[in-house]
């Protein structure tokens, strides 16, 4: 079972339930070996996103994310803060968002507050 956490204060901001898809790609390793995949997002907050995927992602890994939301696509770059296997065999990943393009920032903020 994977269960590692990098921060003791993981939830500093409220989270909104959010169920849509995300695509992720590791940007901290060579392109030939970079892990990528589709994830089902679980929750979103001002400072991060939690999502479910099928394979563990190491704590500290840097990801490029594209979140597919009802209002459009949102790009972000972040670092994996925690990763744990769930009872159903899926993996829950928590990502601290570090960078959102200016064109996507208001959409991200609205989603974090409303969960839409």
C-alpha atoms as a PDB file:
ATOM      1  CA  UNK A   1       0.000   0.000   0.000  1.00  0.00           C
ATOM      2  CA  UNK A   2       1.281   3.451  -0.933  1.00  0.00           C
ATOM      3  CA  UNK A   3       0.812   6.061   1.750  1.00  0.00           C
ATOM      4  CA  UNK A   4       3.233   8.922   1.991  1.00  0.00           C
ATOM      5  CA  UNK A   5       2.636  12.527   2.962  1.00  0.00           C
ATOM      6  CA  UNK A   6       4.948  15.504   2.656  1.00  0.00           C
ATOM      7  CA  UNK A   7       3.046  17.988   4.771  1.00  0.00           C
ATOM      8  CA  UNK A   8       1.275  17.684   8.091  1.00  0.00           C
ATOM      9  CA  UNK A   9      -1.152  20.494   7.172  1.00  0.00           C
ATOM     10  CA  UNK A  10      -2.586  19.187   3.923  1.00  0.00           C
ATOM     11  CA  UNK A  11      -5.953  20.949   4.012  1.00  0.00           C
ATOM     12  CA  UNK A  12      -5.421  24.619   4.672  1.00  0.00           C
ATOM     13  CA  UNK A  13      -8.302  25.714   2.465  1.00  0.00           C
ATOM     14  CA  UNK A  14     -11.842  24.356   2.057  1.00  0.00           C
ATOM     15  CA  UNK A  15     -12.376  21.768  -0.667  1.00  0.00           C
ATOM     16  CA  UNK A  16     -15.299  21.533  -3.046  1.00  0.00           C
ATOM     17  CA  UNK A  17     -16.557  18.209  -4.388  1.00  0.00           C
ATOM     18  CA  UNK A  18     -15.798  18.071  -8.050  1.00  0.00           C
ATOM     19  CA  UNK A  19     -16.216  15.155 -10.416  1.00  0.00           C
ATOM     20  CA  UNK A  20     -14.683  15.478 -13.868  1.00  0.00           C
ATOM     21  CA  UNK A  21     -11.605  14.289 -15.685  1.00  0.00           C
ATOM     22  CA  UNK A  22      -8.011  15.438 -15.673  1.00  0.00           C
ATOM     23  CA  UNK A  23      -4.972  14.543 -17.738  1.00  0.00           C
ATOM     24  CA  UNK A  24      -1.577  14.565 -16.045  1.00  0.00           C
ATOM     25  CA  UNK A  25       1.998  14.325 -17.295  1.00  0.00           C
ATOM     26  CA  UNK A  26       5.132  14.199 -15.139  1.00  0.00           C
ATOM     27  CA  UNK A  27       7.520  17.013 -15.968  1.00  0.00           C
ATOM     28  CA  UNK A  28      10.321  16.186 -13.527  1.00  0.00           C
ATOM     29  CA  UNK A  29      11.715  13.184 -15.437  1.00  0.00           C
ATOM     30  CA  UNK A  30      12.944  12.500 -18.968  1.00  0.00           C
ATOM     31  CA  UNK A  31      10.236  12.606 -21.622  1.00  0.00           C
ATOM     32  CA  UNK A  32      10.795   8.949 -22.585  1.00  0.00           C
ATOM     33  CA  UNK A  33      10.037   7.745 -19.052  1.00  0.00           C
ATOM     34  CA  UNK A  34       7.496  10.359 -17.984  1.00  0.00           C
ATOM     35  CA  UNK A  35       4.384   8.948 -16.359  1.00  0.00           C
ATOM     36  CA  UNK A  36       1.119  10.263 -17.736  1.00  0.00           C
ATOM     37  CA  UNK A  37      -2.513   9.316 -17.565  1.00  0.00           C
ATOM     38  CA  UNK A  38      -6.141  10.153 -17.136  1.00  0.00           C
ATOM     39  CA  UNK A  39      -7.543  10.838 -13.689  1.00  0.00           C
ATOM     40  CA  UNK A  40     -10.960  11.339 -12.190  1.00  0.00           C
ATOM     41  CA  UNK A  41     -10.868  14.486 -10.086  1.00  0.00           C
ATOM     42  CA  UNK A  42     -12.342  14.339  -6.607  1.00  0.00           C
ATOM     43  CA  UNK A  43     -11.988  17.750  -5.065  1.00  0.00           C
ATOM     44  CA  UNK A  44     -10.490  21.119  -5.750  1.00  0.00           C
ATOM     45  CA  UNK A  45      -9.345  23.983  -3.515  1.00  0.00           C
ATOM     46  CA  UNK A  46      -7.569  27.291  -4.001  1.00  0.00           C
ATOM     47  CA  UNK A  47      -4.241  25.606  -3.317  1.00  0.00           C
ATOM     48  CA  UNK A  48      -4.664  22.173  -4.875  1.00  0.00           C
ATOM     49  CA  UNK A  49      -6.547  19.263  -6.326  1.00  0.00           C
ATOM     50  CA  UNK A  50      -7.158  15.704  -5.236  1.00  0.00           C
ATOM     51  CA  UNK A  51      -7.767  13.090  -7.908  1.00  0.00           C
ATOM     52  CA  UNK A  52      -8.116   9.349  -8.396  1.00  0.00           C
ATOM     53  CA  UNK A  53      -6.056   7.376 -10.879  1.00  0.00           C
ATOM     54  CA  UNK A  54      -4.929   3.798 -11.430  1.00  0.00           C
ATOM     55  CA  UNK A  55      -1.187   3.972 -10.628  1.00  0.00           C
ATOM     56  CA  UNK A  56       0.774   5.573  -7.793  1.00  0.00           C
ATOM     57  CA  UNK A  57       2.665   8.792  -8.446  1.00  0.00           C
ATOM     58  CA  UNK A  58       5.679   9.453  -6.210  1.00  0.00           C
ATOM     59  CA  UNK A  59       5.461  12.192  -3.596  1.00  0.00           C
ATOM     60  CA  UNK A  60       7.435  15.165  -4.876  1.00  0.00           C
ATOM     61  CA  UNK A  61       6.739  14.422  -8.549  1.00  0.00           C
ATOM     62  CA  UNK A  62       5.949  17.546 -10.575  1.00  0.00           C
ATOM     63  CA  UNK A  63       2.923  17.341 -12.856  1.00  0.00           C
ATOM     64  CA  UNK A  64       1.445  19.298 -15.717  1.00  0.00           C
ATOM     65  CA  UNK A  65      -2.342  18.976 -15.408  1.00  0.00           C
ATOM     66  CA  UNK A  66      -5.254  19.743 -17.662  1.00  0.00           C
ATOM     67  CA  UNK A  67      -8.564  19.678 -15.814  1.00  0.00           C
ATOM     68  CA  UNK A  68     -11.663  19.213 -17.949  1.00  0.00           C
ATOM     69  CA  UNK A  69     -14.478  21.158 -16.286  1.00  0.00           C
ATOM     70  CA  UNK A  70     -17.993  22.143 -17.395  1.00  0.00           C
ATOM     71  CA  UNK A  71     -16.694  25.680 -17.936  1.00  0.00           C
ATOM     72  CA  UNK A  72     -13.739  24.571 -20.080  1.00  0.00           C
ATOM     73  CA  UNK A  73     -10.191  23.310 -19.718  1.00  0.00           C
ATOM     74  CA  UNK A  74      -7.855  24.562 -17.017  1.00  0.00           C
ATOM     75  CA  UNK A  75      -4.090  24.059 -17.091  1.00  0.00           C
ATOM     76  CA  UNK A  76      -1.898  23.889 -13.976  1.00  0.00           C
ATOM     77  CA  UNK A  77       1.508  22.793 -12.725  1.00  0.00           C
ATOM     78  CA  UNK A  78       1.874  21.270  -9.282  1.00  0.00           C
ATOM     79  CA  UNK A  79       3.693  18.849  -6.996  1.00  0.00           C
ATOM     80  CA  UNK A  80       2.391  15.595  -5.556  1.00  0.00           C
ATOM     81  CA  UNK A  81       2.022  16.001  -1.798  1.00  0.00           C
ATOM     82  CA  UNK A  82       0.472  12.637  -0.955  1.00  0.00           C
ATOM     83  CA  UNK A  83      -0.484   9.391  -2.627  1.00  0.00           C
ATOM     84  CA  UNK A  84      -2.373   6.457  -1.168  1.00  0.00           C
ATOM     85  CA  UNK A  85      -4.077   3.313  -2.396  1.00  0.00           C
ATOM     86  CA  UNK A  86      -7.785   3.090  -1.693  1.00  0.00           C
ATOM     87  CA  UNK A  87      -9.706  -0.073  -0.767  1.00  0.00           C
ATOM     88  CA  UNK A  88     -11.171  -0.278  -4.288  1.00  0.00           C
ATOM     89  CA  UNK A  89      -7.693  -0.564  -5.856  1.00  0.00           C
ATOM     90  CA  UNK A  90      -7.563   2.997  -7.161  1.00  0.00           C
ATOM     91  CA  UNK A  91      -4.977   5.549  -6.033  1.00  0.00           C
ATOM     92  CA  UNK A  92      -5.818   8.912  -4.437  1.00  0.00           C
ATOM     93  CA  UNK A  93      -3.304  11.665  -5.262  1.00  0.00           C
ATOM     94  CA  UNK A  94      -3.111  15.113  -3.655  1.00  0.00           C
ATOM     95  CA  UNK A  95      -1.395  17.869  -5.649  1.00  0.00           C
ATOM     96  CA  UNK A  96      -0.363  21.321  -4.435  1.00  0.00           C
ATOM     97  CA  UNK A  97      -0.900  23.678  -7.355  1.00  0.00           C
ATOM     98  CA  UNK A  98       2.056  25.980  -7.972  1.00  0.00           C
ATOM     99  CA  UNK A  99       1.210  27.681 -11.254  1.00  0.00           C
ATOM    100  CA  UNK A 100      -1.988  28.409 -13.173  1.00  0.00           C
ATOM    101  CA  UNK A 101      -1.864  30.513 -16.355  1.00  0.00           C
ATOM    102  CA  UNK A 102      -3.421  33.976 -15.909  1.00  0.00           C
ATOM    103  CA  UNK A 103      -6.155  33.087 -18.404  1.00  0.00           C
ATOM    104  CA  UNK A 104      -7.280  30.167 -16.196  1.00  0.00           C
ATOM    105  CA  UNK A 105      -6.929  31.697 -12.712  1.00  0.00           C
ATOM    106  CA  UNK A 106     -10.441  33.110 -12.364  1.00  0.00           C
ATOM    107  CA  UNK A 107     -11.994  29.861 -13.601  1.00  0.00           C
ATOM    108  CA  UNK A 108      -9.912  27.886 -11.077  1.00  0.00           C
ATOM    109  CA  UNK A 109     -10.930  30.231  -8.250  1.00  0.00           C
ATOM    110  CA  UNK A 110     -14.613  29.919  -9.172  1.00  0.00           C
ATOM    111  CA  UNK A 111     -14.397  26.118  -9.273  1.00  0.00           C
ATOM    112  CA  UNK A 112     -12.605  25.995  -5.924  1.00  0.00           C
ATOM    113  CA  UNK A 113     -15.376  28.057  -4.316  1.00  0.00           C
ATOM    114  CA  UNK A 114     -18.362  26.458  -5.999  1.00  0.00           C
ATOM    115  CA  UNK A 115     -17.364  22.898  -6.913  1.00  0.00           C
ATOM    116  CA  UNK A 116     -18.949  23.192 -10.363  1.00  0.00           C
END
